[in-house]
């Protein structure tokens, strides 16, 4: 009988503890998660990014991919994949304090270039609050929580949303800025880091959609970027 009473008492104690302190915290909203990711990105001193695209053109002039490091206040170093001159080129690009340098095809050194002639803006500004990637998070509309999954051992939460086309056009490109862009963000639940952004819209043609996929990693890594010799 004593054992039975003890078992009942333990069960009641467990119920009381569950009722008092076992309640789970309310789920973070989609807008709250986007705001946390924006703040975290604006505080990052550096990041590594990989850019890919689907349904990109095979002619004309356009940025279609790339990989590199971004560092504050306004530096970039990496390789950008550009469609130009009837072929796909891998341009070695360095940007420091608003000046963009590229090693052009058939040259052995860097030259100062206007990145617009190759279909992209200053990659050194991608981490700049108000002009870089984080403004996509700040201006997201009709955000909704999506699936939760694990990427490289880290739990990320997806957020689906819509972005103003003219805003995306300023950060990346757009053939029709009046049309909104559909976005799928993957944000690390614990750290708030934006790990992946999948954007679909009229980037290269007003008549058909294409997709950019941006992946970010190595936040806060020790990155040192200096301007190259020109010649």
C-alpha atoms as a PDB file:
ATOM      1  CA  UNK A   1       0.000   0.000   0.000  1.00  0.00           C
ATOM      2  CA  UNK A   2       2.855   2.375   0.834  1.00  0.00           C
ATOM      3  CA  UNK A   3       4.449   1.786  -2.568  1.00  0.00           C
ATOM      4  CA  UNK A   4       1.142   2.480  -4.285  1.00  0.00           C
ATOM      5  CA  UNK A   5       0.636   5.743  -2.386  1.00  0.00           C
ATOM      6  CA  UNK A   6       4.188   6.767  -3.186  1.00  0.00           C
ATOM      7  CA  UNK A   7       3.619   6.104  -6.870  1.00  0.00           C
ATOM      8  CA  UNK A   8       0.440   8.206  -6.879  1.00  0.00           C
ATOM      9  CA  UNK A   9       2.224  11.032  -5.078  1.00  0.00           C
ATOM     10  CA  UNK A  10       5.057  11.033  -7.628  1.00  0.00           C
ATOM     11  CA  UNK A  11       2.584  11.058 -10.508  1.00  0.00           C
ATOM     12  CA  UNK A  12       0.716  14.035  -9.001  1.00  0.00           C
ATOM     13  CA  UNK A  13       3.998  15.862  -8.426  1.00  0.00           C
ATOM     14  CA  UNK A  14       4.936  15.300 -12.054  1.00  0.00           C
ATOM     15  CA  UNK A  15       1.626  16.749 -13.228  1.00  0.00           C
ATOM     16  CA  UNK A  16       2.041  19.790 -11.000  1.00  0.00           C
ATOM     17  CA  UNK A  17       5.558  20.416 -12.294  1.00  0.00           C
ATOM     18  CA  UNK A  18       4.377  20.081 -15.875  1.00  0.00           C
ATOM     19  CA  UNK A  19       1.574  22.533 -15.283  1.00  0.00           C
ATOM     20  CA  UNK A  20       3.777  25.084 -13.527  1.00  0.00           C
ATOM     21  CA  UNK A  21       7.045  25.067 -15.407  1.00  0.00           C
ATOM     22  CA  UNK A  22       6.777  22.661 -18.336  1.00  0.00           C
ATOM     23  CA  UNK A  23       4.973  24.938 -20.769  1.00  0.00           C
ATOM     24  CA  UNK A  24       6.887  25.456 -24.018  1.00  0.00           C
ATOM     25  CA  UNK A  25       7.767  28.975 -25.118  1.00  0.00           C
ATOM     26  CA  UNK A  26       5.573  30.485 -27.852  1.00  0.00           C
ATOM     27  CA  UNK A  27       6.871  29.888 -31.372  1.00  0.00           C
ATOM     28  CA  UNK A  28       8.829  32.748 -32.908  1.00  0.00           C
ATOM     29  CA  UNK A  29       6.817  34.444 -35.643  1.00  0.00           C
ATOM     30  CA  UNK A  30       7.979  34.652 -39.258  1.00  0.00           C
ATOM     31  CA  UNK A  31       8.448  38.417 -39.006  1.00  0.00           C
ATOM     32  CA  UNK A  32      10.309  38.035 -35.706  1.00  0.00           C
ATOM     33  CA  UNK A  33      12.672  35.473 -37.203  1.00  0.00           C
ATOM     34  CA  UNK A  34      13.346  37.701 -40.220  1.00  0.00           C
ATOM     35  CA  UNK A  35      14.071  40.663 -37.943  1.00  0.00           C
ATOM     36  CA  UNK A  36      16.478  38.585 -35.851  1.00  0.00           C
ATOM     37  CA  UNK A  37      18.246  37.406 -39.019  1.00  0.00           C
ATOM     38  CA  UNK A  38      18.489  41.005 -40.258  1.00  0.00           C
ATOM     39  CA  UNK A  39      20.017  42.201 -36.987  1.00  0.00           C
ATOM     40  CA  UNK A  40      22.475  39.289 -36.912  1.00  0.00           C
ATOM     41  CA  UNK A  41      23.529  39.936 -40.510  1.00  0.00           C
ATOM     42  CA  UNK A  42      23.984  43.664 -39.880  1.00  0.00           C
ATOM     43  CA  UNK A  43      26.298  42.816 -36.965  1.00  0.00           C
ATOM     44  CA  UNK A  44      28.407  40.285 -38.902  1.00  0.00           C
ATOM     45  CA  UNK A  45      31.937  41.480 -39.633  1.00  0.00           C
ATOM     46  CA  UNK A  46      32.407  39.032 -42.506  1.00  0.00           C
ATOM     47  CA  UNK A  47      30.772  36.159 -44.353  1.00  0.00           C
ATOM     48  CA  UNK A  48      31.490  33.681 -47.124  1.00  0.00           C
ATOM     49  CA  UNK A  49      28.918  33.417 -49.885  1.00  0.00           C
ATOM     50  CA  UNK A  50      28.136  31.102 -52.774  1.00  0.00           C
ATOM     51  CA  UNK A  51      25.761  32.294 -55.503  1.00  0.00           C
ATOM     52  CA  UNK A  52      24.097  30.034 -58.074  1.00  0.00           C
ATOM     53  CA  UNK A  53      21.269  30.505 -60.553  1.00  0.00           C
ATOM     54  CA  UNK A  54      18.750  28.501 -62.562  1.00  0.00           C
ATOM     55  CA  UNK A  55      17.212  29.403 -65.927  1.00  0.00           C
ATOM     56  CA  UNK A  56      19.933  31.996 -66.516  1.00  0.00           C
ATOM     57  CA  UNK A  57      20.549  33.303 -70.061  1.00  0.00           C
ATOM     58  CA  UNK A  58      23.286  31.999 -72.307  1.00  0.00           C
ATOM     59  CA  UNK A  59      23.765  35.324 -74.077  1.00  0.00           C
ATOM     60  CA  UNK A  60      23.798  39.013 -73.281  1.00  0.00           C
ATOM     61  CA  UNK A  61      25.512  40.245 -70.142  1.00  0.00           C
ATOM     62  CA  UNK A  62      24.501  38.977 -66.714  1.00  0.00           C
ATOM     63  CA  UNK A  63      25.794  37.773 -63.364  1.00  0.00           C
ATOM     64  CA  UNK A  64      24.903  34.078 -63.012  1.00  0.00           C
ATOM     65  CA  UNK A  65      26.976  32.852 -60.051  1.00  0.00           C
ATOM     66  CA  UNK A  66      30.037  33.265 -57.912  1.00  0.00           C
ATOM     67  CA  UNK A  67      31.813  32.637 -54.634  1.00  0.00           C
ATOM     68  CA  UNK A  68      33.830  34.805 -52.309  1.00  0.00           C
ATOM     69  CA  UNK A  69      34.309  36.591 -49.003  1.00  0.00           C
ATOM     70  CA  UNK A  70      32.634  39.820 -47.906  1.00  0.00           C
ATOM     71  CA  UNK A  71      34.105  41.930 -45.102  1.00  0.00           C
ATOM     72  CA  UNK A  72      33.149  45.172 -43.439  1.00  0.00           C
ATOM     73  CA  UNK A  73      33.143  47.987 -44.035  1.00  0.00           C
ATOM     74  CA  UNK A  74      32.930  47.459 -47.808  1.00  0.00           C
ATOM     75  CA  UNK A  75      35.251  44.784 -49.195  1.00  0.00           C
ATOM     76  CA  UNK A  76      34.925  41.681 -51.350  1.00  0.00           C
ATOM     77  CA  UNK A  77      37.273  39.139 -52.858  1.00  0.00           C
ATOM     78  CA  UNK A  78      36.280  36.162 -54.969  1.00  0.00           C
ATOM     79  CA  UNK A  79      35.233  34.848 -58.355  1.00  0.00           C
ATOM     80  CA  UNK A  80      32.073  35.968 -60.124  1.00  0.00           C
ATOM     81  CA  UNK A  81      30.589  33.962 -62.985  1.00  0.00           C
ATOM     82  CA  UNK A  82      29.357  36.273 -65.736  1.00  0.00           C
ATOM     83  CA  UNK A  83      27.746  35.700 -69.118  1.00  0.00           C
ATOM     84  CA  UNK A  84      29.382  38.165 -71.522  1.00  0.00           C
ATOM     85  CA  UNK A  85      30.830  38.277 -75.018  1.00  0.00           C
ATOM     86  CA  UNK A  86      28.924  35.131 -75.970  1.00  0.00           C
ATOM     87  CA  UNK A  87      30.447  32.929 -73.287  1.00  0.00           C
ATOM     88  CA  UNK A  88      30.531  32.361 -69.519  1.00  0.00           C
ATOM     89  CA  UNK A  89      33.493  34.035 -67.839  1.00  0.00           C
ATOM     90  CA  UNK A  90      34.991  33.523 -64.386  1.00  0.00           C
ATOM     91  CA  UNK A  91      36.136  36.957 -63.266  1.00  0.00           C
ATOM     92  CA  UNK A  92      38.507  37.361 -60.342  1.00  0.00           C
ATOM     93  CA  UNK A  93      37.058  40.376 -58.545  1.00  0.00           C
ATOM     94  CA  UNK A  94      38.235  42.505 -55.614  1.00  0.00           C
ATOM     95  CA  UNK A  95      36.279  45.431 -54.215  1.00  0.00           C
ATOM     96  CA  UNK A  96      37.658  47.844 -51.618  1.00  0.00           C
ATOM     97  CA  UNK A  97      35.929  51.027 -50.410  1.00  0.00           C
ATOM     98  CA  UNK A  98      33.719  51.356 -53.471  1.00  0.00           C
ATOM     99  CA  UNK A  99      36.382  50.668 -56.105  1.00  0.00           C
ATOM    100  CA  UNK A 100      35.919  47.415 -58.018  1.00  0.00           C
ATOM    101  CA  UNK A 101      38.867  45.629 -59.625  1.00  0.00           C
ATOM    102  CA  UNK A 102      38.659  42.675 -62.017  1.00  0.00           C
ATOM    103  CA  UNK A 103      41.124  40.520 -63.866  1.00  0.00           C
ATOM    104  CA  UNK A 104      39.700  40.609 -67.360  1.00  0.00           C
ATOM    105  CA  UNK A 105      40.055  37.760 -69.897  1.00  0.00           C
ATOM    106  CA  UNK A 106      43.440  37.521 -71.593  1.00  0.00           C
ATOM    107  CA  UNK A 107      45.086  39.874 -69.075  1.00  0.00           C
ATOM    108  CA  UNK A 108      47.609  39.106 -66.361  1.00  0.00           C
ATOM    109  CA  UNK A 109      46.668  41.842 -63.894  1.00  0.00           C
ATOM    110  CA  UNK A 110      43.734  43.702 -62.378  1.00  0.00           C
ATOM    111  CA  UNK A 111      41.973  46.729 -63.818  1.00  0.00           C
ATOM    112  CA  UNK A 112      39.488  49.149 -62.280  1.00  0.00           C
ATOM    113  CA  UNK A 113      36.066  48.368 -63.776  1.00  0.00           C
ATOM    114  CA  UNK A 114      32.476  49.526 -63.667  1.00  0.00           C
ATOM    115  CA  UNK A 115      30.687  46.372 -62.459  1.00  0.00           C
ATOM    116  CA  UNK A 116      27.468  47.437 -64.205  1.00  0.00           C
ATOM    117  CA  UNK A 117      29.049  46.606 -67.562  1.00  0.00           C
ATOM    118  CA  UNK A 118      29.144  42.970 -66.407  1.00  0.00           C
ATOM    119  CA  UNK A 119      25.628  42.927 -65.003  1.00  0.00           C
ATOM    120  CA  UNK A 120      26.277  43.336 -61.259  1.00  0.00           C
ATOM    121  CA  UNK A 121      26.735  46.011 -58.615  1.00  0.00           C
ATOM    122  CA  UNK A 122      29.491  46.533 -56.077  1.00  0.00           C
ATOM    123  CA  UNK A 123      29.867  43.173 -54.259  1.00  0.00           C
ATOM    124  CA  UNK A 124      31.682  44.925 -51.425  1.00  0.00           C
ATOM    125  CA  UNK A 125      28.363  46.490 -50.355  1.00  0.00           C
ATOM    126  CA  UNK A 126      26.555  43.193 -49.749  1.00  0.00           C
ATOM    127  CA  UNK A 127      27.022  43.408 -45.957  1.00  0.00           C
ATOM    128  CA  UNK A 128      26.254  47.118 -45.718  1.00  0.00           C
ATOM    129  CA  UNK A 129      23.088  47.778 -43.668  1.00  0.00           C
ATOM    130  CA  UNK A 130      20.439  49.556 -45.718  1.00  0.00           C
ATOM    131  CA  UNK A 131      21.945  48.676 -49.110  1.00  0.00           C
ATOM    132  CA  UNK A 132      23.034  45.051 -48.889  1.00  0.00           C
ATOM    133  CA  UNK A 133      21.447  41.656 -48.338  1.00  0.00           C
ATOM    134  CA  UNK A 134      19.861  42.531 -45.006  1.00  0.00           C
ATOM    135  CA  UNK A 135      17.400  44.962 -46.580  1.00  0.00           C
ATOM    136  CA  UNK A 136      15.769  41.986 -48.286  1.00  0.00           C
ATOM    137  CA  UNK A 137      14.946  40.672 -44.819  1.00  0.00           C
ATOM    138  CA  UNK A 138      13.723  44.067 -43.653  1.00  0.00           C
ATOM    139  CA  UNK A 139      11.344  44.629 -46.580  1.00  0.00           C
ATOM    140  CA  UNK A 140       9.823  41.132 -46.736  1.00  0.00           C
ATOM    141  CA  UNK A 141       6.031  41.088 -47.114  1.00  0.00           C
ATOM    142  CA  UNK A 142       3.380  38.498 -46.134  1.00  0.00           C
ATOM    143  CA  UNK A 143       5.986  36.305 -44.408  1.00  0.00           C
ATOM    144  CA  UNK A 144       4.960  32.803 -43.315  1.00  0.00           C
ATOM    145  CA  UNK A 145       6.832  30.102 -41.400  1.00  0.00           C
ATOM    146  CA  UNK A 146       7.755  27.033 -43.425  1.00  0.00           C
ATOM    147  CA  UNK A 147       9.445  23.743 -42.671  1.00  0.00           C
ATOM    148  CA  UNK A 148      12.134  23.101 -40.086  1.00  0.00           C
ATOM    149  CA  UNK A 149      15.063  20.997 -41.260  1.00  0.00           C
ATOM    150  CA  UNK A 150      18.684  20.231 -40.468  1.00  0.00           C
ATOM    151  CA  UNK A 151      21.527  21.493 -42.657  1.00  0.00           C
ATOM    152  CA  UNK A 152      25.111  20.429 -41.871  1.00  0.00           C
ATOM    153  CA  UNK A 153      24.055  19.544 -38.345  1.00  0.00           C
ATOM    154  CA  UNK A 154      22.275  22.850 -37.755  1.00  0.00           C
ATOM    155  CA  UNK A 155      18.514  23.314 -37.420  1.00  0.00           C
ATOM    156  CA  UNK A 156      17.153  25.956 -39.815  1.00  0.00           C
ATOM    157  CA  UNK A 157      13.638  27.302 -40.178  1.00  0.00           C
ATOM    158  CA  UNK A 158      12.273  28.279 -43.569  1.00  0.00           C
ATOM    159  CA  UNK A 159      10.333  31.491 -44.137  1.00  0.00           C
ATOM    160  CA  UNK A 160       8.404  32.127 -47.345  1.00  0.00           C
ATOM    161  CA  UNK A 161       7.757  35.718 -48.320  1.00  0.00           C
ATOM    162  CA  UNK A 162       7.460  38.236 -51.146  1.00  0.00           C
ATOM    163  CA  UNK A 163       9.926  41.031 -51.913  1.00  0.00           C
ATOM    164  CA  UNK A 164       9.496  44.277 -53.857  1.00  0.00           C
ATOM    165  CA  UNK A 165      10.951  43.819 -57.329  1.00  0.00           C
ATOM    166  CA  UNK A 166      12.666  47.204 -57.416  1.00  0.00           C
ATOM    167  CA  UNK A 167      14.459  46.421 -54.139  1.00  0.00           C
ATOM    168  CA  UNK A 168      15.769  43.088 -55.434  1.00  0.00           C
ATOM    169  CA  UNK A 169      16.782  44.850 -58.621  1.00  0.00           C
ATOM    170  CA  UNK A 170      19.030  47.185 -56.628  1.00  0.00           C
ATOM    171  CA  UNK A 171      20.698  44.320 -54.757  1.00  0.00           C
ATOM    172  CA  UNK A 172      20.931  41.844 -57.654  1.00  0.00           C
ATOM    173  CA  UNK A 173      19.161  42.593 -60.926  1.00  0.00           C
ATOM    174  CA  UNK A 174      15.685  42.665 -62.480  1.00  0.00           C
ATOM    175  CA  UNK A 175      14.274  42.876 -65.981  1.00  0.00           C
ATOM    176  CA  UNK A 176      10.907  44.039 -64.579  1.00  0.00           C
ATOM    177  CA  UNK A 177      11.233  45.833 -61.223  1.00  0.00           C
ATOM    178  CA  UNK A 178       7.456  46.299 -61.047  1.00  0.00           C
ATOM    179  CA  UNK A 179       6.974  42.579 -60.444  1.00  0.00           C
ATOM    180  CA  UNK A 180       7.492  41.155 -56.942  1.00  0.00           C
ATOM    181  CA  UNK A 181      10.028  38.413 -56.233  1.00  0.00           C
ATOM    182  CA  UNK A 182       9.177  35.223 -54.349  1.00  0.00           C
ATOM    183  CA  UNK A 183      11.661  34.379 -51.595  1.00  0.00           C
ATOM    184  CA  UNK A 184      12.442  31.361 -49.436  1.00  0.00           C
ATOM    185  CA  UNK A 185      14.809  32.149 -46.561  1.00  0.00           C
ATOM    186  CA  UNK A 186      16.475  29.477 -44.402  1.00  0.00           C
ATOM    187  CA  UNK A 187      17.487  30.874 -41.007  1.00  0.00           C
ATOM    188  CA  UNK A 188      19.409  29.087 -38.251  1.00  0.00           C
ATOM    189  CA  UNK A 189      17.021  28.751 -35.330  1.00  0.00           C
ATOM    190  CA  UNK A 190      19.669  29.132 -32.603  1.00  0.00           C
ATOM    191  CA  UNK A 191      22.044  31.769 -34.003  1.00  0.00           C
ATOM    192  CA  UNK A 192      19.692  33.714 -36.264  1.00  0.00           C
ATOM    193  CA  UNK A 193      22.158  33.484 -39.148  1.00  0.00           C
ATOM    194  CA  UNK A 194      20.702  33.647 -42.650  1.00  0.00           C
ATOM    195  CA  UNK A 195      22.043  30.472 -44.236  1.00  0.00           C
ATOM    196  CA  UNK A 196      20.259  30.432 -47.569  1.00  0.00           C
ATOM    197  CA  UNK A 197      18.091  32.709 -49.710  1.00  0.00           C
ATOM    198  CA  UNK A 198      16.261  31.361 -52.754  1.00  0.00           C
ATOM    199  CA  UNK A 199      14.803  34.161 -54.887  1.00  0.00           C
ATOM    200  CA  UNK A 200      12.564  33.627 -57.919  1.00  0.00           C
ATOM    201  CA  UNK A 201      11.534  36.415 -60.264  1.00  0.00           C
ATOM    202  CA  UNK A 202      12.091  38.167 -63.627  1.00  0.00           C
ATOM    203  CA  UNK A 203      15.828  38.629 -63.172  1.00  0.00           C
ATOM    204  CA  UNK A 204      16.956  38.191 -66.754  1.00  0.00           C
ATOM    205  CA  UNK A 205      13.715  38.426 -68.749  1.00  0.00           C
ATOM    206  CA  UNK A 206      10.373  40.099 -68.116  1.00  0.00           C
ATOM    207  CA  UNK A 207       8.652  37.132 -69.770  1.00  0.00           C
ATOM    208  CA  UNK A 208      10.128  34.265 -67.733  1.00  0.00           C
ATOM    209  CA  UNK A 209      11.279  33.697 -64.167  1.00  0.00           C
ATOM    210  CA  UNK A 210      14.725  32.624 -63.026  1.00  0.00           C
ATOM    211  CA  UNK A 211      16.087  31.710 -59.602  1.00  0.00           C
ATOM    212  CA  UNK A 212      19.076  32.951 -57.616  1.00  0.00           C
ATOM    213  CA  UNK A 213      20.309  30.821 -54.708  1.00  0.00           C
ATOM    214  CA  UNK A 214      22.558  32.545 -52.175  1.00  0.00           C
ATOM    215  CA  UNK A 215      24.252  30.562 -49.393  1.00  0.00           C
ATOM    216  CA  UNK A 216      26.083  32.240 -46.498  1.00  0.00           C
ATOM    217  CA  UNK A 217      28.569  30.706 -44.041  1.00  0.00           C
ATOM    218  CA  UNK A 218      31.698  31.428 -41.966  1.00  0.00           C
ATOM    219  CA  UNK A 219      30.217  34.488 -40.268  1.00  0.00           C
ATOM    220  CA  UNK A 220      32.833  36.519 -38.435  1.00  0.00           C
ATOM    221  CA  UNK A 221      35.825  34.709 -39.935  1.00  0.00           C
ATOM    222  CA  UNK A 222      39.130  36.577 -39.979  1.00  0.00           C
ATOM    223  CA  UNK A 223      39.124  38.039 -43.495  1.00  0.00           C
ATOM    224  CA  UNK A 224      41.624  40.594 -44.771  1.00  0.00           C
ATOM    225  CA  UNK A 225      41.092  42.120 -48.218  1.00  0.00           C
ATOM    226  CA  UNK A 226      43.412  44.690 -49.805  1.00  0.00           C
ATOM    227  CA  UNK A 227      43.292  46.501 -53.126  1.00  0.00           C
ATOM    228  CA  UNK A 228      45.410  44.839 -55.835  1.00  0.00           C
ATOM    229  CA  UNK A 229      48.100  46.491 -57.908  1.00  0.00           C
ATOM    230  CA  UNK A 230      46.669  47.773 -61.162  1.00  0.00           C
ATOM    231  CA  UNK A 231      48.481  47.089 -64.390  1.00  0.00           C
END
